[in-house]
């Protein structure tokens, strides 16, 4: 999977995105970064359970998951820069996962409506399983006080996309209608803190400075 932008030359260092996320790939591709997408296939649920048991916070969990993904793929791609990313949704100390079905999506939206929740986004870059750089950021999103009928109409319209992201929404689509206020990095909310990541890739020679 590659991309190029007229007037911007790619660097000499190969880049791998350790993710199956279509939106992360789109964000990186649209920024003109040449890369290969390789899903990590790690057991995220097991690590979350372990960290919950240790009473870790959302930031610690997001960083650990991002590192786990990157390191898992790094062993398959020697010499390349491997990007791992993860995102945690924390509302009043409760962690929310991607909904598995419509009923879970409905329950998530009922729990989040009228409240402000945090999206904690982490990204890490490794080479040959050695950490080179990491970044974590926190965005705050406030959902409107919509009723159950609105939730049903939203889920009807959003369809399967409501199950593809934590919180049952995609901000780049219909999910934006759920919110009254957003405070944070737009790209980080989508799942990839792009601006600090691009600076790292420039420093590592993967993107032309």
Protein backbone atom coordinates (compact mmCIF):
# COMPACT_ATOMS: atom_id res chain seq x y z
CA UNK A 1 0.00 0.00 0.00
CA UNK A 2 1.76 3.18 -1.17
CA UNK A 3 1.02 6.82 -1.73
CA UNK A 4 2.88 9.81 -3.12
CA UNK A 5 2.34 13.54 -3.23
CA UNK A 6 3.67 15.71 -6.08
CA UNK A 7 6.58 17.78 -4.80
CA UNK A 8 7.10 15.69 -1.67
CA UNK A 9 9.61 12.86 -1.98
CA UNK A 10 9.33 9.83 0.25
CA UNK A 11 12.32 9.04 2.43
CA UNK A 12 14.62 6.05 2.02
CA UNK A 13 13.41 4.15 5.09
CA UNK A 14 10.59 1.62 4.69
CA UNK A 15 7.51 2.10 6.87
CA UNK A 16 4.99 -0.48 8.08
CA UNK A 17 1.68 0.30 9.75
CA UNK A 18 0.88 -2.50 12.21
CA UNK A 19 -2.86 -2.13 11.91
CA UNK A 20 -5.91 -3.39 10.07
CA UNK A 21 -7.66 -0.04 10.60
CA UNK A 22 -8.91 1.45 7.35
CA UNK A 23 -9.10 4.97 8.82
CA UNK A 24 -5.52 4.89 10.13
CA UNK A 25 -4.33 3.73 6.71
CA UNK A 26 -6.35 6.48 5.02
CA UNK A 27 -4.96 9.21 7.31
CA UNK A 28 -1.38 8.08 6.66
CA UNK A 29 -1.91 7.61 2.93
CA UNK A 30 -3.53 11.02 2.52
CA UNK A 31 -0.50 12.59 4.21
CA UNK A 32 1.69 11.22 1.40
CA UNK A 33 3.48 8.54 3.41
CA UNK A 34 4.52 5.36 1.58
CA UNK A 35 3.87 2.34 3.76
CA UNK A 36 2.79 -1.27 3.96
CA UNK A 37 -0.15 -2.23 6.18
CA UNK A 38 0.40 -5.43 8.20
CA UNK A 39 -2.21 -6.32 10.86
CA UNK A 40 -0.59 -7.35 14.14
CA UNK A 41 -3.08 -10.11 15.14
CA UNK A 42 -2.21 -9.70 18.82
CA UNK A 43 -4.55 -10.60 21.68
CA UNK A 44 -5.60 -7.10 22.75
CA UNK A 45 -8.36 -8.35 25.04
CA UNK A 46 -5.94 -10.43 27.11
CA UNK A 47 -3.61 -7.48 27.68
CA UNK A 48 -6.53 -5.23 28.61
CA UNK A 49 -7.76 -7.76 31.15
CA UNK A 50 -4.27 -7.99 32.65
CA UNK A 51 -3.88 -4.22 32.90
CA UNK A 52 -7.37 -3.79 34.33
CA UNK A 53 -6.42 -6.31 37.00
CA UNK A 54 -3.32 -4.23 37.76
CA UNK A 55 -5.48 -1.08 37.96
CA UNK A 56 -3.55 0.58 35.16
CA UNK A 57 -4.91 3.81 33.71
CA UNK A 58 -6.11 4.26 30.12
CA UNK A 59 -2.88 5.96 29.04
CA UNK A 60 -0.75 3.06 30.26
CA UNK A 61 -3.02 0.60 28.48
CA UNK A 62 -3.02 2.52 25.18
CA UNK A 63 0.77 2.77 25.17
CA UNK A 64 1.16 -0.92 26.03
CA UNK A 65 -1.20 -1.97 23.25
CA UNK A 66 0.49 0.26 20.69
CA UNK A 67 3.88 -1.19 21.62
CA UNK A 68 2.57 -4.77 21.55
CA UNK A 69 1.23 -4.32 18.01
CA UNK A 70 4.39 -2.68 16.70
CA UNK A 71 6.74 -5.21 18.25
CA UNK A 72 4.70 -8.16 16.99
CA UNK A 73 5.02 -6.95 13.39
CA UNK A 74 8.59 -5.67 13.73
CA UNK A 75 9.94 -9.21 13.96
CA UNK A 76 8.47 -9.90 10.52
CA UNK A 77 9.93 -6.77 8.89
CA UNK A 78 13.62 -6.36 9.86
CA UNK A 79 15.13 -2.93 9.30
CA UNK A 80 11.81 -1.17 8.80
CA UNK A 81 10.07 1.44 10.90
CA UNK A 82 6.92 -0.13 12.33
CA UNK A 83 4.09 2.08 13.60
CA UNK A 84 1.79 0.75 16.31
CA UNK A 85 -1.25 2.69 17.50
CA UNK A 86 -4.11 2.22 19.92
CA UNK A 87 -6.97 4.19 21.36
CA UNK A 88 -8.82 3.88 24.67
CA UNK A 89 -12.18 5.43 25.56
CA UNK A 90 -12.44 6.34 29.24
CA UNK A 91 -15.65 7.73 30.75
CA UNK A 92 -15.64 8.29 34.50
CA UNK A 93 -13.02 5.57 34.93
CA UNK A 94 -14.88 3.00 32.83
CA UNK A 95 -13.18 1.67 29.67
CA UNK A 96 -15.32 1.09 26.60
CA UNK A 97 -14.47 -1.34 23.79
CA UNK A 98 -15.75 -1.60 20.25
CA UNK A 99 -19.35 -2.82 20.36
CA UNK A 100 -19.77 -6.36 19.05
CA UNK A 101 -23.36 -5.82 17.90
CA UNK A 102 -26.17 -3.28 17.71
CA UNK A 103 -27.33 -3.97 21.27
CA UNK A 104 -23.87 -3.18 22.63
CA UNK A 105 -23.66 -0.06 20.46
CA UNK A 106 -27.00 1.11 21.84
CA UNK A 107 -25.87 0.48 25.42
CA UNK A 108 -22.61 2.39 24.80
CA UNK A 109 -24.42 5.44 23.43
CA UNK A 110 -26.88 5.45 26.33
CA UNK A 111 -23.96 5.34 28.77
CA UNK A 112 -22.07 8.17 27.05
CA UNK A 113 -24.89 10.59 26.15
CA UNK A 114 -24.89 13.85 28.09
CA UNK A 115 -21.36 13.17 29.37
CA UNK A 116 -17.80 14.10 28.50
CA UNK A 117 -15.47 11.19 27.81
CA UNK A 118 -11.78 10.98 27.01
CA UNK A 119 -10.16 9.35 24.02
CA UNK A 120 -6.58 8.42 24.86
CA UNK A 121 -4.55 7.83 21.71
CA UNK A 122 -1.08 6.31 21.71
CA UNK A 123 1.37 5.72 18.88
CA UNK A 124 4.81 4.15 18.94
CA UNK A 125 7.53 3.54 16.36
CA UNK A 126 9.96 0.63 16.60
CA UNK A 127 12.75 -0.82 14.47
CA UNK A 128 13.90 -4.42 14.89
CA UNK A 129 11.67 -4.64 18.00
CA UNK A 130 13.54 -1.71 19.59
CA UNK A 131 11.38 1.26 20.66
CA UNK A 132 12.46 4.51 18.99
CA UNK A 133 9.66 6.92 19.81
CA UNK A 134 6.23 7.13 21.40
CA UNK A 135 3.49 9.68 21.88
CA UNK A 136 0.25 9.78 23.81
CA UNK A 137 -2.49 12.40 23.74
CA UNK A 138 -5.89 12.88 25.32
CA UNK A 139 -8.97 14.38 23.65
CA UNK A 140 -12.26 15.20 25.36
CA UNK A 141 -15.61 14.79 23.62
CA UNK A 142 -19.03 15.77 24.98
CA UNK A 143 -22.09 13.97 23.68
CA UNK A 144 -25.46 15.70 23.35
CA UNK A 145 -28.44 14.65 25.48
CA UNK A 146 -30.28 12.83 22.71
CA UNK A 147 -33.18 10.46 23.35
CA UNK A 148 -33.58 6.76 22.62
CA UNK A 149 -35.38 7.46 19.35
CA UNK A 150 -32.37 9.41 18.10
CA UNK A 151 -30.07 6.51 19.03
CA UNK A 152 -32.23 4.09 17.05
CA UNK A 153 -32.32 6.40 14.02
CA UNK A 154 -28.56 6.96 14.22
CA UNK A 155 -27.78 3.24 14.40
CA UNK A 156 -30.15 2.57 11.49
CA UNK A 157 -28.32 5.15 9.38
CA UNK A 158 -24.78 4.30 10.50
CA UNK A 159 -25.17 0.58 10.00
CA UNK A 160 -22.03 -1.54 10.39
CA UNK A 161 -19.81 1.53 10.74
CA UNK A 162 -21.11 1.99 14.29
CA UNK A 163 -19.41 -1.28 15.21
CA UNK A 164 -16.04 -0.38 13.73
CA UNK A 165 -14.82 2.02 16.39
CA UNK A 166 -14.80 2.38 20.13
CA UNK A 167 -17.74 4.47 21.30
CA UNK A 168 -19.95 3.36 18.39
CA UNK A 169 -19.11 6.44 16.33
CA UNK A 170 -16.83 7.61 13.55
CA UNK A 171 -16.23 11.32 13.81
CA UNK A 172 -15.53 11.63 10.09
CA UNK A 173 -19.06 10.42 9.34
CA UNK A 174 -22.49 10.47 10.95
CA UNK A 175 -20.93 10.14 14.39
CA UNK A 176 -20.18 13.85 14.44
CA UNK A 177 -23.91 14.47 14.99
CA UNK A 178 -23.67 12.86 18.43
CA UNK A 179 -21.54 15.66 19.87
CA UNK A 180 -21.98 19.14 21.28
CA UNK A 181 -18.31 19.87 21.96
CA UNK A 182 -14.94 18.39 20.97
CA UNK A 183 -11.59 19.38 22.43
CA UNK A 184 -8.52 17.69 20.98
CA UNK A 185 -6.47 16.67 17.96
CA UNK A 186 -8.81 15.66 15.13
CA UNK A 187 -6.38 13.09 13.72
CA UNK A 188 -5.80 11.59 17.16
CA UNK A 189 -9.56 11.24 17.57
CA UNK A 190 -9.64 9.35 14.28
CA UNK A 191 -7.02 6.98 15.69
CA UNK A 192 -3.60 8.29 14.62
CA UNK A 193 -1.88 11.41 16.09
CA UNK A 194 -0.60 12.43 12.67
CA UNK A 195 1.40 15.61 13.21
CA UNK A 196 3.80 14.30 15.89
CA UNK A 197 4.07 11.02 13.97
CA UNK A 198 5.08 12.83 10.78
CA UNK A 199 7.80 14.68 12.69
CA UNK A 200 9.14 11.36 13.96
CA UNK A 201 9.13 9.90 10.44
CA UNK A 202 11.05 12.91 9.15
CA UNK A 203 13.67 12.48 11.85
CA UNK A 204 14.00 8.79 10.97
CA UNK A 205 14.42 9.48 7.25
CA UNK A 206 11.12 7.94 6.19
CA UNK A 207 9.58 11.22 5.01
CA UNK A 208 11.36 14.06 3.24
CA UNK A 209 12.05 16.89 5.69
